[in-house]
């Protein structure tokens, strides 16, 4: 996928206190089927950063310009991952992480 066929997507989430190490451990051991699904649906160059003072998780990813935002939230693997992560993050009633999109105000290639 070429650079011009992707857009940057950023959002923030919130970790529950005391779960910093566990969050990292779970992501270090990300399920291969989840990693494959993310790649197959058009997500690449995906990073999550933690602000240890506020426990805010900042995520940034490149997604294909034709990325379907409705596909992943309804996929069984994603729902299973959300249930797995729900005890350590702030979540919605369906276990999806409370995620707030962020507006890009600067970028330098």
N, C-alpha and C. Protein backbone atom coordinates (compact mmCIF):
# COMPACT_ATOMS: atom_id res chain seq x y z
N UNK A 1 0.85 -1.17 0.00
CA UNK A 1 0.00 0.00 0.00
C UNK A 1 0.89 1.24 0.00
N UNK A 2 0.66 2.13 -0.88
CA UNK A 2 1.49 3.33 -0.95
C UNK A 2 1.00 4.37 0.04
N UNK A 3 1.89 5.29 0.34
CA UNK A 3 1.59 6.32 1.32
C UNK A 3 0.34 7.11 0.95
N UNK A 4 0.16 7.42 -0.35
CA UNK A 4 -0.97 8.24 -0.75
C UNK A 4 -2.30 7.50 -0.64
N UNK A 5 -2.29 6.19 -0.46
CA UNK A 5 -3.51 5.42 -0.30
C UNK A 5 -3.89 5.22 1.17
N UNK A 6 -3.23 5.95 2.05
CA UNK A 6 -3.53 5.84 3.48
C UNK A 6 -3.77 7.22 4.07
N UNK A 7 -4.46 7.22 5.18
CA UNK A 7 -4.64 8.42 5.99
C UNK A 7 -4.24 8.07 7.42
N UNK A 8 -3.83 9.06 8.17
CA UNK A 8 -3.49 8.84 9.57
C UNK A 8 -4.77 8.99 10.40
N UNK A 9 -4.91 8.11 11.36
CA UNK A 9 -6.06 8.12 12.27
C UNK A 9 -5.51 8.09 13.69
N UNK A 10 -5.98 9.00 14.53
CA UNK A 10 -5.50 9.05 15.91
C UNK A 10 -6.70 9.14 16.85
N UNK A 11 -6.54 8.52 18.01
CA UNK A 11 -7.61 8.57 19.01
C UNK A 11 -6.99 8.31 20.38
N UNK A 12 -7.78 8.63 21.42
CA UNK A 12 -7.30 8.39 22.77
C UNK A 12 -8.29 7.50 23.52
N UNK A 13 -7.75 6.75 24.47
CA UNK A 13 -8.51 5.86 25.33
C UNK A 13 -7.97 6.06 26.74
N UNK A 14 -8.54 5.36 27.71
CA UNK A 14 -8.09 5.54 29.09
C UNK A 14 -7.91 4.19 29.76
N UNK A 15 -6.75 4.04 30.39
CA UNK A 15 -6.41 2.83 31.13
C UNK A 15 -6.86 2.99 32.58
N UNK A 16 -7.31 1.91 33.20
CA UNK A 16 -7.65 1.94 34.62
C UNK A 16 -6.36 1.94 35.43
N UNK A 17 -6.35 2.60 36.58
CA UNK A 17 -5.13 2.67 37.41
C UNK A 17 -4.61 1.28 37.81
N UNK A 18 -3.29 1.14 37.76
CA UNK A 18 -2.64 -0.08 38.19
C UNK A 18 -2.49 -1.15 37.12
N UNK A 19 -2.92 -0.87 35.89
CA UNK A 19 -2.90 -1.88 34.84
C UNK A 19 -1.90 -1.57 33.72
N UNK A 20 -0.96 -0.69 33.99
CA UNK A 20 0.01 -0.31 32.96
C UNK A 20 0.81 -1.50 32.45
N UNK A 21 1.34 -2.31 33.35
CA UNK A 21 2.15 -3.47 32.97
C UNK A 21 1.29 -4.52 32.27
N UNK A 22 0.10 -4.74 32.78
CA UNK A 22 -0.79 -5.74 32.20
C UNK A 22 -1.21 -5.35 30.79
N UNK A 23 -1.50 -4.07 30.57
CA UNK A 23 -1.89 -3.60 29.24
C UNK A 23 -0.76 -3.88 28.25
N UNK A 24 0.46 -3.54 28.63
CA UNK A 24 1.61 -3.78 27.75
C UNK A 24 1.79 -5.27 27.49
N UNK A 25 1.66 -6.08 28.54
CA UNK A 25 1.84 -7.53 28.39
C UNK A 25 0.82 -8.10 27.39
N UNK A 26 -0.43 -7.69 27.53
CA UNK A 26 -1.46 -8.21 26.63
C UNK A 26 -1.19 -7.80 25.18
N UNK A 27 -0.70 -6.61 24.97
CA UNK A 27 -0.41 -6.18 23.60
C UNK A 27 0.88 -6.80 23.07
N UNK A 28 1.83 -7.08 23.95
CA UNK A 28 3.04 -7.79 23.52
C UNK A 28 2.69 -9.20 23.03
N UNK A 29 1.58 -9.73 23.54
CA UNK A 29 1.13 -11.08 23.19
C UNK A 29 -0.14 -11.01 22.33
N UNK A 30 -0.28 -9.97 21.52
CA UNK A 30 -1.49 -9.81 20.70
C UNK A 30 -1.77 -11.08 19.92
N UNK A 31 -3.03 -11.44 19.87
CA UNK A 31 -3.41 -12.66 19.17
C UNK A 31 -3.07 -12.55 17.69
N UNK A 32 -2.45 -13.57 17.12
CA UNK A 32 -2.10 -13.53 15.70
C UNK A 32 -3.31 -13.29 14.79
N UNK A 33 -4.46 -13.87 15.16
CA UNK A 33 -5.65 -13.67 14.34
C UNK A 33 -6.15 -12.23 14.39
N UNK A 34 -5.95 -11.55 15.50
CA UNK A 34 -6.32 -10.14 15.59
C UNK A 34 -5.36 -9.29 14.77
N UNK A 35 -4.08 -9.53 14.90
CA UNK A 35 -3.08 -8.79 14.11
C UNK A 35 -3.34 -8.96 12.62
N UNK A 36 -3.64 -10.18 12.20
CA UNK A 36 -3.95 -10.44 10.78
C UNK A 36 -5.19 -9.69 10.35
N UNK A 37 -6.23 -9.73 11.18
CA UNK A 37 -7.47 -9.04 10.84
C UNK A 37 -7.24 -7.54 10.67
N UNK A 38 -6.49 -6.94 11.57
CA UNK A 38 -6.21 -5.51 11.47
C UNK A 38 -5.50 -5.19 10.15
N UNK A 39 -4.49 -5.98 9.81
CA UNK A 39 -3.76 -5.78 8.56
C UNK A 39 -4.66 -5.98 7.34
N UNK A 40 -5.44 -7.04 7.36
CA UNK A 40 -6.30 -7.37 6.22
C UNK A 40 -7.38 -6.32 5.97
N UNK A 41 -7.81 -5.63 7.02
CA UNK A 41 -8.86 -4.62 6.86
C UNK A 41 -8.32 -3.24 6.52
N UNK A 42 -6.98 -3.11 6.45
CA UNK A 42 -6.40 -1.85 6.00
C UNK A 42 -5.72 -1.02 7.06
N UNK A 43 -5.44 -1.60 8.23
CA UNK A 43 -4.73 -0.88 9.27
C UNK A 43 -3.26 -1.27 9.21
N UNK A 44 -2.39 -0.26 9.26
CA UNK A 44 -0.95 -0.52 9.27
C UNK A 44 -0.27 0.55 10.12
N UNK A 45 0.98 0.32 10.43
CA UNK A 45 1.78 1.28 11.19
C UNK A 45 0.98 1.79 12.39
N UNK A 46 0.56 0.86 13.26
CA UNK A 46 -0.32 1.13 14.39
C UNK A 46 0.52 1.17 15.66
N UNK A 47 0.46 2.28 16.38
CA UNK A 47 1.17 2.43 17.65
C UNK A 47 0.22 2.95 18.71
N UNK A 48 0.46 2.53 19.95
CA UNK A 48 -0.28 3.06 21.10
C UNK A 48 0.76 3.52 22.11
N UNK A 49 0.59 4.75 22.58
CA UNK A 49 1.48 5.35 23.57
C UNK A 49 0.70 5.57 24.86
N UNK A 50 1.40 5.50 26.00
CA UNK A 50 0.78 5.71 27.30
C UNK A 50 1.36 6.95 27.97
N UNK A 51 0.47 7.86 28.40
CA UNK A 51 0.87 8.97 29.26
C UNK A 51 0.73 8.44 30.69
N UNK A 52 1.85 8.15 31.32
CA UNK A 52 1.83 7.53 32.65
C UNK A 52 1.26 8.42 33.74
N UNK A 53 1.24 9.72 33.53
CA UNK A 53 0.66 10.64 34.53
C UNK A 53 -0.86 10.61 34.52
N UNK A 54 -1.45 10.51 33.33
CA UNK A 54 -2.91 10.58 33.21
C UNK A 54 -3.56 9.24 32.87
N UNK A 55 -2.76 8.25 32.49
CA UNK A 55 -3.21 6.95 32.02
C UNK A 55 -3.99 7.03 30.71
N UNK A 56 -3.78 8.13 29.98
CA UNK A 56 -4.37 8.27 28.66
C UNK A 56 -3.53 7.45 27.67
N UNK A 57 -4.21 6.66 26.87
CA UNK A 57 -3.58 5.91 25.80
C UNK A 57 -3.80 6.69 24.51
N UNK A 58 -2.74 6.97 23.79
CA UNK A 58 -2.81 7.69 22.53
C UNK A 58 -2.47 6.72 21.42
N UNK A 59 -3.40 6.52 20.51
CA UNK A 59 -3.20 5.57 19.41
C UNK A 59 -3.12 6.33 18.10
N UNK A 60 -2.22 5.89 17.25
CA UNK A 60 -2.09 6.44 15.91
C UNK A 60 -1.86 5.29 14.95
N UNK A 61 -2.54 5.35 13.82
CA UNK A 61 -2.44 4.28 12.84
C UNK A 61 -2.61 4.87 11.45
N UNK A 62 -2.12 4.15 10.49
CA UNK A 62 -2.39 4.49 9.10
C UNK A 62 -3.46 3.52 8.63
N UNK A 63 -4.49 4.06 7.99
CA UNK A 63 -5.57 3.23 7.49
C UNK A 63 -5.76 3.50 6.01
N UNK A 64 -6.23 2.50 5.30
CA UNK A 64 -6.47 2.67 3.87
C UNK A 64 -7.60 3.69 3.68
N UNK A 65 -7.55 4.39 2.56
CA UNK A 65 -8.55 5.42 2.29
C UNK A 65 -9.94 4.84 2.13
N UNK A 66 -10.04 3.54 1.85
CA UNK A 66 -11.35 2.89 1.75
C UNK A 66 -11.68 2.06 3.00
N UNK A 67 -11.02 2.35 4.11
CA UNK A 67 -11.23 1.62 5.36
C UNK A 67 -12.69 1.68 5.77
N UNK A 68 -13.26 0.55 6.16
CA UNK A 68 -14.66 0.46 6.58
C UNK A 68 -14.71 0.48 8.12
N UNK A 69 -15.09 1.63 8.67
CA UNK A 69 -15.12 1.80 10.12
C UNK A 69 -16.19 0.95 10.80
N UNK A 70 -17.14 0.42 10.06
CA UNK A 70 -18.20 -0.42 10.63
C UNK A 70 -17.81 -1.89 10.73
N UNK A 71 -16.81 -2.32 9.97
CA UNK A 71 -16.46 -3.73 9.91
C UNK A 71 -15.89 -4.27 11.22
N UNK A 72 -14.86 -3.64 11.76
CA UNK A 72 -14.17 -4.19 12.93
C UNK A 72 -15.04 -4.26 14.19
N UNK A 73 -15.83 -3.23 14.51
CA UNK A 73 -16.62 -3.32 15.74
C UNK A 73 -17.62 -4.49 15.75
N UNK A 74 -17.95 -5.01 14.59
CA UNK A 74 -18.90 -6.11 14.50
C UNK A 74 -18.24 -7.47 14.29
N UNK A 75 -16.92 -7.49 14.25
CA UNK A 75 -16.21 -8.74 14.00
C UNK A 75 -16.04 -9.53 15.31
N UNK A 76 -16.29 -10.86 15.29
CA UNK A 76 -16.19 -11.67 16.50
C UNK A 76 -14.82 -11.61 17.19
N UNK A 77 -13.74 -11.55 16.43
CA UNK A 77 -12.40 -11.49 17.04
C UNK A 77 -12.23 -10.18 17.80
N UNK A 78 -12.70 -9.09 17.23
CA UNK A 78 -12.59 -7.79 17.89
C UNK A 78 -13.46 -7.77 19.15
N UNK A 79 -14.66 -8.31 19.08
CA UNK A 79 -15.53 -8.36 20.26
C UNK A 79 -14.89 -9.20 21.38
N UNK A 80 -14.24 -10.29 20.99
CA UNK A 80 -13.55 -11.14 21.97
C UNK A 80 -12.37 -10.37 22.60
N UNK A 81 -11.61 -9.62 21.79
CA UNK A 81 -10.50 -8.82 22.31
C UNK A 81 -11.01 -7.75 23.27
N UNK A 82 -12.10 -7.08 22.90
CA UNK A 82 -12.67 -6.06 23.78
C UNK A 82 -13.08 -6.65 25.13
N UNK A 83 -13.69 -7.83 25.11
CA UNK A 83 -14.07 -8.49 26.36
C UNK A 83 -12.83 -8.80 27.20
N UNK A 84 -11.77 -9.23 26.53
CA UNK A 84 -10.49 -9.55 27.18
C UNK A 84 -9.86 -8.31 27.81
N UNK A 85 -9.98 -7.17 27.15
CA UNK A 85 -9.37 -5.93 27.62
C UNK A 85 -10.28 -5.12 28.54
N UNK A 86 -11.55 -5.46 28.60
CA UNK A 86 -12.54 -4.65 29.30
C UNK A 86 -12.28 -4.44 30.78
N UNK A 87 -11.57 -5.34 31.41
CA UNK A 87 -11.33 -5.20 32.85
C UNK A 87 -10.23 -4.20 33.18
N UNK A 88 -9.46 -3.77 32.18
CA UNK A 88 -8.34 -2.88 32.48
C UNK A 88 -8.44 -1.51 31.81
N UNK A 89 -9.53 -1.29 31.06
CA UNK A 89 -9.71 -0.03 30.35
C UNK A 89 -11.10 0.53 30.63
N UNK A 90 -11.25 1.83 30.42
CA UNK A 90 -12.58 2.42 30.46
C UNK A 90 -13.31 2.00 29.19
N UNK A 91 -14.51 1.43 29.35
CA UNK A 91 -15.22 0.87 28.21
C UNK A 91 -16.68 1.33 28.17
N UNK A 92 -17.26 1.14 27.00
CA UNK A 92 -18.69 1.32 26.79
C UNK A 92 -19.41 0.05 27.26
N UNK A 93 -20.74 0.08 27.35
CA UNK A 93 -21.47 -1.12 27.79
C UNK A 93 -21.21 -2.37 26.95
N UNK A 94 -20.83 -2.22 25.67
CA UNK A 94 -20.55 -3.39 24.82
C UNK A 94 -19.09 -3.84 24.91
N UNK A 95 -18.35 -3.33 25.88
CA UNK A 95 -16.93 -3.63 26.11
C UNK A 95 -15.99 -2.91 25.16
N UNK A 96 -16.50 -2.19 24.18
CA UNK A 96 -15.60 -1.43 23.30
C UNK A 96 -14.93 -0.34 24.12
N UNK A 97 -13.67 -0.05 23.85
CA UNK A 97 -13.00 1.00 24.60
C UNK A 97 -13.65 2.36 24.31
N UNK A 98 -13.75 3.17 25.33
CA UNK A 98 -14.20 4.54 25.11
C UNK A 98 -13.06 5.22 24.37
N UNK A 99 -13.30 5.55 23.13
CA UNK A 99 -12.27 6.12 22.26
C UNK A 99 -12.76 7.46 21.73
N UNK A 100 -11.89 8.44 21.82
CA UNK A 100 -12.21 9.78 21.34
C UNK A 100 -11.26 10.10 20.19
N UNK A 101 -11.81 10.37 19.04
CA UNK A 101 -10.99 10.73 17.88
C UNK A 101 -10.27 12.05 18.10
N UNK A 102 -9.10 12.16 17.52
CA UNK A 102 -8.30 13.38 17.66
C UNK A 102 -8.11 14.04 16.30
N UNK A 103 -8.15 15.34 16.30
CA UNK A 103 -7.98 16.14 15.08
C UNK A 103 -6.49 16.40 14.86
N UNK A 104 -6.04 16.09 13.66
CA UNK A 104 -4.65 16.37 13.31
C UNK A 104 -4.47 17.87 13.07
N UNK A 105 -3.49 18.46 13.76
CA UNK A 105 -3.23 19.90 13.58
C UNK A 105 -1.85 20.18 13.00
N UNK A 106 -1.01 19.13 12.91
CA UNK A 106 0.32 19.30 12.33
C UNK A 106 0.85 17.93 11.92
N UNK A 107 1.57 17.92 10.81
CA UNK A 107 2.25 16.70 10.36
C UNK A 107 3.47 17.11 9.54
N UNK A 108 4.57 16.40 9.74
CA UNK A 108 5.79 16.63 8.97
C UNK A 108 6.29 15.26 8.51
N UNK A 109 6.42 15.08 7.21
CA UNK A 109 6.98 13.83 6.67
C UNK A 109 8.48 13.91 6.66
